[in-house]
Amino acid sequence: MCVVATCLRLNVAFFDMFPCPKNKIFITNELGSGLVLQYHCHSRDNNLDVANLQFNESKEIVFADKLGRRTRWTCLLKHGLYMRYYSEFIAYRMANVRRYGAYREWIARKDGIYVIRNRNPPPTFHHIHVISNVDDNDII
């Protein structure tokens, strides 16, 4: 048992000696001109502050998968009057093996949230939850 623990520690140290490309999550606001998107993203090890994105702004989150613990980032997006329209989702989940250079872009639009995985367009509709049920004629 001691030998296994020693080998595991050496393995972790070996992987940390040779850094690989980091994983990235982007949160993008495409709700429309003048509409603010509020976001709060967190993982087990990191908790980003609640912040706002103006129209056509993006937030980049850069991180690496951890050995021995499955990395997972959860995000909460809100918008509208008093931030009453919201959706919480898992923005990234580590696979059975470490990923290097994984890319996830989450795009908030009036009709929902779209995701681009590893820069392969077109964006696919991810959530059936509508992030906004406000008509274009309504004032927000």
N, C-alpha and C. Protein backbone atom coordinates (compact mmCIF):
# COMPACT_ATOMS: atom_id res chain seq x y z
N MET A 1 0.82 -1.18 0.00
CA MET A 1 0.00 0.00 0.00
C MET A 1 0.87 1.25 0.00
N CYS A 2 1.95 1.20 0.74
CA CYS A 2 2.88 2.34 0.80
C CYS A 2 3.51 2.59 -0.57
N VAL A 3 3.82 1.50 -1.29
CA VAL A 3 4.42 1.62 -2.62
C VAL A 3 3.44 2.31 -3.58
N VAL A 4 2.17 1.95 -3.53
CA VAL A 4 1.15 2.54 -4.39
C VAL A 4 1.02 4.03 -4.11
N ALA A 5 1.00 4.41 -2.83
CA ALA A 5 0.89 5.82 -2.46
C ALA A 5 2.10 6.60 -2.94
N THR A 6 3.29 6.02 -2.83
CA THR A 6 4.50 6.69 -3.29
C THR A 6 4.47 6.87 -4.80
N CYS A 7 4.07 5.83 -5.53
CA CYS A 7 3.97 5.93 -6.99
C CYS A 7 2.95 6.98 -7.40
N LEU A 8 1.84 7.05 -6.70
CA LEU A 8 0.80 8.03 -7.02
C LEU A 8 1.33 9.45 -6.81
N ARG A 9 2.06 9.68 -5.73
CA ARG A 9 2.62 11.00 -5.48
C ARG A 9 3.64 11.37 -6.55
N LEU A 10 4.48 10.43 -6.97
CA LEU A 10 5.45 10.68 -8.03
C LEU A 10 4.74 10.97 -9.35
N ASN A 11 3.67 10.25 -9.62
CA ASN A 11 2.91 10.45 -10.85
C ASN A 11 2.32 11.85 -10.89
N VAL A 12 1.75 12.31 -9.79
CA VAL A 12 1.18 13.65 -9.72
C VAL A 12 2.28 14.69 -9.92
N ALA A 13 3.41 14.50 -9.26
CA ALA A 13 4.53 15.44 -9.40
C ALA A 13 5.05 15.46 -10.83
N PHE A 14 5.11 14.29 -11.48
CA PHE A 14 5.58 14.21 -12.86
C PHE A 14 4.67 15.01 -13.79
N PHE A 15 3.33 14.88 -13.65
CA PHE A 15 2.40 15.60 -14.51
C PHE A 15 2.47 17.10 -14.27
N ASP A 16 2.72 17.52 -13.03
CA ASP A 16 2.80 18.94 -12.73
C ASP A 16 4.10 19.57 -13.23
N MET A 17 5.14 18.75 -13.47
CA MET A 17 6.40 19.28 -13.96
C MET A 17 6.31 19.70 -15.42
N PHE A 18 5.43 19.09 -16.19
CA PHE A 18 5.29 19.37 -17.61
C PHE A 18 3.90 19.94 -17.87
N PRO A 19 3.76 21.26 -17.78
CA PRO A 19 2.43 21.85 -17.95
C PRO A 19 1.90 21.68 -19.37
N CYS A 20 0.62 21.44 -19.45
CA CYS A 20 -0.07 21.29 -20.73
C CYS A 20 -1.02 22.47 -20.91
N PRO A 21 -1.59 22.63 -22.10
CA PRO A 21 -2.53 23.73 -22.31
C PRO A 21 -3.69 23.66 -21.32
N LYS A 22 -4.05 24.80 -20.78
CA LYS A 22 -5.13 24.88 -19.80
C LYS A 22 -6.49 24.78 -20.50
N ASN A 23 -7.49 24.40 -19.75
CA ASN A 23 -8.87 24.38 -20.23
C ASN A 23 -9.46 25.77 -20.09
N LYS A 24 -10.45 26.11 -20.94
CA LYS A 24 -11.05 27.43 -20.91
C LYS A 24 -12.56 27.35 -21.00
N ILE A 25 -13.20 28.20 -20.21
CA ILE A 25 -14.64 28.41 -20.30
C ILE A 25 -14.85 29.89 -20.61
N PHE A 26 -15.71 30.17 -21.58
CA PHE A 26 -16.08 31.55 -21.90
C PHE A 26 -17.57 31.70 -21.64
N ILE A 27 -17.95 32.80 -21.00
CA ILE A 27 -19.35 33.18 -20.83
C ILE A 27 -19.54 34.43 -21.68
N THR A 28 -20.48 34.42 -22.63
CA THR A 28 -20.67 35.53 -23.56
C THR A 28 -22.10 36.04 -23.49
N ASN A 29 -22.25 37.36 -23.47
CA ASN A 29 -23.56 38.01 -23.44
C ASN A 29 -23.95 38.43 -24.85
N GLU A 30 -24.96 37.75 -25.41
CA GLU A 30 -25.55 38.12 -26.70
C GLU A 30 -27.05 38.35 -26.53
N LEU A 31 -27.43 38.88 -25.36
CA LEU A 31 -28.85 39.11 -25.07
C LEU A 31 -29.43 40.26 -25.90
N GLY A 32 -28.62 41.24 -26.19
CA GLY A 32 -29.07 42.39 -26.96
C GLY A 32 -28.51 43.67 -26.38
N SER A 33 -28.56 44.71 -27.18
CA SER A 33 -28.01 46.00 -26.77
C SER A 33 -28.69 46.51 -25.50
N GLY A 34 -27.86 46.93 -24.54
CA GLY A 34 -28.37 47.48 -23.29
C GLY A 34 -28.77 46.45 -22.26
N LEU A 35 -28.69 45.15 -22.56
CA LEU A 35 -29.08 44.10 -21.61
C LEU A 35 -27.84 43.53 -20.92
N VAL A 36 -27.88 43.51 -19.60
CA VAL A 36 -26.75 43.06 -18.78
C VAL A 36 -26.96 41.60 -18.39
N LEU A 37 -25.89 40.83 -18.44
CA LEU A 37 -25.89 39.43 -18.00
C LEU A 37 -25.07 39.33 -16.72
N GLN A 38 -25.66 38.81 -15.67
CA GLN A 38 -24.95 38.60 -14.41
C GLN A 38 -24.54 37.13 -14.36
N TYR A 39 -23.32 36.86 -13.92
CA TYR A 39 -22.85 35.48 -13.83
C TYR A 39 -22.16 35.24 -12.49
N HIS A 40 -22.22 33.99 -12.06
CA HIS A 40 -21.48 33.52 -10.89
C HIS A 40 -21.07 32.09 -11.18
N CYS A 41 -19.76 31.87 -11.33
CA CYS A 41 -19.24 30.53 -11.63
C CYS A 41 -18.34 30.07 -10.48
N HIS A 42 -18.38 28.77 -10.21
CA HIS A 42 -17.54 28.22 -9.14
C HIS A 42 -17.22 26.76 -9.40
N SER A 43 -16.09 26.34 -8.84
CA SER A 43 -15.71 24.94 -8.83
C SER A 43 -15.44 24.57 -7.38
N ARG A 44 -14.96 23.37 -7.16
CA ARG A 44 -14.65 22.94 -5.80
C ARG A 44 -13.52 23.78 -5.19
N ASP A 45 -12.58 24.20 -6.05
CA ASP A 45 -11.40 24.93 -5.57
C ASP A 45 -11.47 26.44 -5.78
N ASN A 46 -12.32 26.90 -6.68
CA ASN A 46 -12.38 28.33 -7.03
C ASN A 46 -13.82 28.82 -6.99
N ASN A 47 -13.99 30.02 -6.45
CA ASN A 47 -15.31 30.66 -6.42
C ASN A 47 -15.15 32.08 -6.93
N LEU A 48 -15.60 32.32 -8.15
CA LEU A 48 -15.50 33.65 -8.73
C LEU A 48 -16.58 34.55 -8.14
N ASP A 49 -16.27 35.81 -8.02
CA ASP A 49 -17.26 36.77 -7.53
C ASP A 49 -18.39 36.92 -8.55
N VAL A 50 -19.55 37.33 -8.05
CA VAL A 50 -20.66 37.66 -8.94
C VAL A 50 -20.25 38.91 -9.72
N ALA A 51 -20.44 38.87 -11.04
CA ALA A 51 -20.04 39.99 -11.89
C ALA A 51 -21.03 40.13 -13.04
N ASN A 52 -20.94 41.24 -13.74
CA ASN A 52 -21.84 41.54 -14.85
C ASN A 52 -21.08 41.64 -16.16
N LEU A 53 -21.75 41.23 -17.24
CA LEU A 53 -21.23 41.39 -18.59
C LEU A 53 -22.19 42.27 -19.38
N GLN A 54 -21.65 43.26 -20.05
CA GLN A 54 -22.44 44.08 -20.96
C GLN A 54 -22.62 43.32 -22.27
N PHE A 55 -23.49 43.81 -23.14
CA PHE A 55 -23.75 43.17 -24.43
C PHE A 55 -22.44 43.01 -25.21
N ASN A 56 -22.24 41.82 -25.76
CA ASN A 56 -21.06 41.42 -26.55
C ASN A 56 -19.77 41.34 -25.73
N GLU A 57 -19.83 41.31 -24.41
CA GLU A 57 -18.66 41.08 -23.58
C GLU A 57 -18.58 39.60 -23.23
N SER A 58 -17.35 39.16 -22.93
CA SER A 58 -17.12 37.77 -22.54
C SER A 58 -16.24 37.71 -21.30
N LYS A 59 -16.40 36.63 -20.55
CA LYS A 59 -15.55 36.34 -19.40
C LYS A 59 -14.82 35.04 -19.69
N GLU A 60 -13.51 35.04 -19.49
CA GLU A 60 -12.71 33.84 -19.71
C GLU A 60 -12.30 33.26 -18.36
N ILE A 61 -12.51 31.95 -18.20
CA ILE A 61 -12.09 31.23 -17.00
C ILE A 61 -11.07 30.19 -17.46
N VAL A 62 -9.87 30.25 -16.91
CA VAL A 62 -8.79 29.35 -17.30
C VAL A 62 -8.44 28.46 -16.10
N PHE A 63 -8.32 27.16 -16.34
CA PHE A 63 -8.07 26.21 -15.25
C PHE A 63 -7.48 24.93 -15.80
N ALA A 64 -7.02 24.07 -14.91
CA ALA A 64 -6.50 22.75 -15.27
C ALA A 64 -7.27 21.70 -14.48
N ASP A 65 -7.45 20.53 -15.07
CA ASP A 65 -8.07 19.42 -14.34
C ASP A 65 -7.13 18.95 -13.24
N LYS A 66 -7.71 18.50 -12.14
CA LYS A 66 -6.93 18.00 -11.01
C LYS A 66 -6.86 16.48 -11.08
N LEU A 67 -5.73 15.94 -10.74
CA LEU A 67 -5.62 14.49 -10.64
C LEU A 67 -6.24 14.03 -9.33
N GLY A 68 -7.00 12.97 -9.39
CA GLY A 68 -7.59 12.41 -8.18
C GLY A 68 -8.93 13.02 -7.80
N ARG A 69 -9.27 14.18 -8.37
CA ARG A 69 -10.55 14.82 -8.08
C ARG A 69 -11.15 15.32 -9.38
N ARG A 70 -12.38 14.97 -9.63
CA ARG A 70 -13.04 15.37 -10.87
C ARG A 70 -13.36 16.86 -10.84
N THR A 71 -12.83 17.59 -11.80
CA THR A 71 -13.06 19.03 -11.90
C THR A 71 -14.45 19.29 -12.47
N ARG A 72 -15.17 20.21 -11.82
CA ARG A 72 -16.50 20.58 -12.31
C ARG A 72 -16.72 22.07 -12.04
N TRP A 73 -17.14 22.79 -13.07
CA TRP A 73 -17.48 24.20 -12.95
C TRP A 73 -18.98 24.35 -13.14
N THR A 74 -19.62 25.03 -12.21
CA THR A 74 -21.05 25.32 -12.27
C THR A 74 -21.22 26.82 -12.41
N CYS A 75 -22.14 27.25 -13.28
CA CYS A 75 -22.38 28.68 -13.48
C CYS A 75 -23.87 28.98 -13.33
N LEU A 76 -24.12 30.16 -12.79
CA LEU A 76 -25.47 30.70 -12.67
C LEU A 76 -25.51 31.99 -13.48
N LEU A 77 -26.39 32.05 -14.47
CA LEU A 77 -26.56 33.24 -15.30
C LEU A 77 -27.91 33.86 -15.00
N LYS A 78 -27.93 35.20 -14.88
CA LYS A 78 -29.17 35.93 -14.59
C LYS A 78 -29.25 37.17 -15.46
N HIS A 79 -30.49 37.60 -15.75
CA HIS A 79 -30.68 38.88 -16.42
C HIS A 79 -32.13 39.32 -16.24
N GLY A 80 -32.42 40.52 -16.71
CA GLY A 80 -33.78 41.05 -16.64
C GLY A 80 -33.97 41.95 -15.44
N LEU A 81 -35.16 42.47 -15.33
CA LEU A 81 -35.51 43.35 -14.22
C LEU A 81 -35.36 42.57 -12.91
N TYR A 82 -34.55 43.07 -11.99
CA TYR A 82 -34.24 42.42 -10.71
C TYR A 82 -33.61 41.04 -10.90
N MET A 83 -33.00 40.82 -12.04
CA MET A 83 -32.31 39.55 -12.35
C MET A 83 -33.25 38.35 -12.14
N ARG A 84 -34.48 38.48 -12.61
CA ARG A 84 -35.48 37.44 -12.34
C ARG A 84 -35.42 36.25 -13.31
N TYR A 85 -34.73 36.38 -14.42
CA TYR A 85 -34.59 35.26 -15.35
C TYR A 85 -33.22 34.65 -15.12
N TYR A 86 -33.17 33.35 -14.85
CA TYR A 86 -31.89 32.73 -14.51
C TYR A 86 -31.85 31.28 -14.94
N SER A 87 -30.64 30.77 -15.02
CA SER A 87 -30.40 29.36 -15.31
C SER A 87 -29.07 28.96 -14.69
N GLU A 88 -29.04 27.84 -13.99
CA GLU A 88 -27.82 27.29 -13.41
C GLU A 88 -27.51 25.99 -14.12
N PHE A 89 -26.25 25.78 -14.47
CA PHE A 89 -25.87 24.61 -15.26
C PHE A 89 -24.42 24.25 -14.99
N ILE A 90 -24.04 23.04 -15.37
CA ILE A 90 -22.65 22.60 -15.27
C ILE A 90 -21.96 23.05 -16.56
N ALA A 91 -21.02 23.99 -16.42
CA ALA A 91 -20.34 24.55 -17.58
C ALA A 91 -19.21 23.65 -18.07
N TYR A 92 -18.63 22.86 -17.17
CA TYR A 92 -17.54 21.95 -17.54
C TYR A 92 -17.49 20.82 -16.52
N ARG A 93 -17.31 19.61 -17.03
CA ARG A 93 -17.11 18.45 -16.16
C ARG A 93 -15.97 17.62 -16.73
N MET A 94 -15.03 17.29 -15.88
CA MET A 94 -13.88 16.50 -16.29
C MET A 94 -14.32 15.11 -16.73
N ALA A 95 -13.65 14.59 -17.74
CA ALA A 95 -13.92 13.22 -18.21
C ALA A 95 -13.19 12.24 -17.28
N ASN A 96 -13.15 10.98 -17.67
CA ASN A 96 -12.46 9.98 -16.87
C ASN A 96 -10.95 10.19 -16.87
N VAL A 97 -10.46 10.91 -17.87
CA VAL A 97 -9.03 11.25 -17.94
C VAL A 97 -8.91 12.77 -18.00
N ARG A 98 -7.73 13.27 -17.68
CA ARG A 98 -7.51 14.72 -17.73
C ARG A 98 -7.63 15.23 -19.16
N ARG A 99 -8.22 16.40 -19.30
CA ARG A 99 -8.31 17.06 -20.60
C ARG A 99 -7.29 18.19 -20.64
N TYR A 100 -6.79 18.44 -21.84
CA TYR A 100 -5.84 19.52 -22.04
C TYR A 100 -6.35 20.39 -23.18
N GLY A 101 -6.51 21.67 -22.93
CA GLY A 101 -6.94 22.59 -23.97
C GLY A 101 -8.41 22.48 -24.31
N ALA A 102 -9.24 21.96 -23.41
CA ALA A 102 -10.68 21.88 -23.67
C ALA A 102 -11.26 23.30 -23.70
N TYR A 103 -12.25 23.50 -24.54
CA TYR A 103 -12.84 24.83 -24.75
C TYR A 103 -14.36 24.71 -24.68
N ARG A 104 -14.97 25.54 -23.84
CA ARG A 104 -16.43 25.62 -23.76
C ARG A 104 -16.82 27.09 -23.80
N GLU A 105 -17.67 27.45 -24.73
CA GLU A 105 -18.19 28.81 -24.77
C GLU A 105 -19.69 28.75 -24.58
N TRP A 106 -20.18 29.40 -23.55
CA TRP A 106 -21.60 29.45 -23.23
C TRP A 106 -22.11 30.83 -23.64
N ILE A 107 -23.09 30.84 -24.54
CA ILE A 107 -23.59 32.09 -25.11
C ILE A 107 -25.02 32.29 -24.65
N ALA A 108 -25.25 33.39 -23.93
CA ALA A 108 -26.61 33.72 -23.45
C ALA A 108 -27.29 34.57 -24.50
N ARG A 109 -28.43 34.07 -25.00
CA ARG A 109 -29.25 34.80 -25.95
C ARG A 109 -30.66 34.87 -25.39
N LYS A 110 -31.51 35.66 -26.03
CA LYS A 110 -32.87 35.82 -25.52
C LYS A 110 -33.66 34.51 -25.53
N ASP A 111 -33.38 33.64 -26.48
CA ASP A 111 -34.15 32.39 -26.59
C ASP A 111 -33.52 31.23 -25.83
N GLY A 112 -32.38 31.45 -25.16
CA GLY A 112 -31.79 30.36 -24.38
C GLY A 112 -30.29 30.46 -24.30
N ILE A 113 -29.67 29.38 -23.85
CA ILE A 113 -28.22 29.32 -23.69
C ILE A 113 -27.67 28.32 -24.69
N TYR A 114 -26.64 28.73 -25.42
CA TYR A 114 -26.02 27.89 -26.43
C TYR A 114 -24.60 27.56 -26.00
N VAL A 115 -24.09 26.44 -26.50
CA VAL A 115 -22.73 26.03 -26.14
C VAL A 115 -21.95 25.68 -27.41
N ILE A 116 -20.69 26.10 -27.42
CA ILE A 116 -19.73 25.68 -28.45
C ILE A 116 -18.67 24.87 -27.72
N ARG A 117 -18.48 23.62 -28.14
CA ARG A 117 -17.49 22.74 -27.49
C ARG A 117 -16.28 22.62 -28.40
N ASN A 118 -15.12 22.90 -27.85
CA ASN A 118 -13.85 22.75 -28.56
C ASN A 118 -13.81 23.48 -29.89
N ARG A 119 -14.45 24.64 -29.94
CA ARG A 119 -14.44 25.53 -31.10
C ARG A 119 -15.01 24.91 -32.35
N ASN A 120 -15.94 24.01 -32.22
CA ASN A 120 -16.59 23.40 -33.37
C ASN A 120 -17.96 24.03 -33.57
N PRO A 121 -18.08 25.01 -34.48
CA PRO A 121 -19.39 25.63 -34.70
C PRO A 121 -20.29 24.67 -35.45
N PRO A 122 -21.55 24.86 -35.55
CA PRO A 122 -22.31 25.97 -35.01
C PRO A 122 -22.67 25.70 -33.55
N PRO A 123 -23.03 26.76 -32.80
CA PRO A 123 -23.41 26.54 -31.41
C PRO A 123 -24.68 25.70 -31.33
N THR A 124 -24.71 24.79 -30.38
CA THR A 124 -25.89 23.95 -30.20
C THR A 124 -26.70 24.43 -29.01
N PHE A 125 -28.00 24.33 -29.15
CA PHE A 125 -28.89 24.74 -28.06
C PHE A 125 -28.71 23.76 -26.93
N HIS A 126 -28.40 24.26 -25.73
CA HIS A 126 -28.09 23.36 -24.62
C HIS A 126 -29.25 23.19 -23.66
N HIS A 127 -29.88 24.28 -23.30
CA HIS A 127 -30.92 24.23 -22.28
C HIS A 127 -32.30 24.44 -22.91
N ILE A 128 -33.27 23.71 -22.39
CA ILE A 128 -34.63 23.99 -22.81
C ILE A 128 -35.23 25.11 -21.97
N HIS A 129 -34.52 25.48 -20.89
CA HIS A 129 -34.97 26.60 -20.07
C HIS A 129 -34.78 27.88 -20.86
N VAL A 130 -35.81 28.68 -20.96
CA VAL A 130 -35.70 29.95 -21.65
C VAL A 130 -35.15 30.97 -20.67
N ILE A 131 -34.04 31.61 -21.03
CA ILE A 131 -33.42 32.56 -20.13
C ILE A 131 -34.21 33.87 -20.11
N SER A 132 -35.07 34.08 -21.08
CA SER A 132 -35.88 35.30 -21.11
C SER A 132 -37.21 34.97 -21.74
N ASN A 133 -38.28 35.44 -21.12
CA ASN A 133 -39.58 35.29 -21.74
C ASN A 133 -40.18 36.66 -22.02
N VAL A 134 -39.32 37.64 -22.24
CA VAL A 134 -39.74 39.01 -22.48
C VAL A 134 -39.81 39.24 -23.98
N ASP A 135 -40.92 39.80 -24.46
CA ASP A 135 -41.06 40.13 -25.86
C ASP A 135 -40.19 41.32 -26.20
N ASP A 136 -39.89 41.51 -27.48
CA ASP A 136 -39.09 42.66 -27.90
C ASP A 136 -39.81 43.97 -27.59
N ASN A 137 -41.13 43.94 -27.48
CA ASN A 137 -41.89 45.17 -27.22
C ASN A 137 -41.90 45.54 -25.75
N ASP A 138 -41.54 44.59 -24.85
CA ASP A 138 -41.54 44.88 -23.42
C ASP A 138 -40.30 45.67 -23.05
N ILE A 139 -40.43 46.50 -22.05
CA ILE A 139 -39.29 47.26 -21.54
C ILE A 139 -38.71 46.52 -20.36
N ILE A 140 -37.41 46.34 -20.38
CA ILE A 140 -36.74 45.62 -19.30
C ILE A 140 -36.10 46.63 -18.38
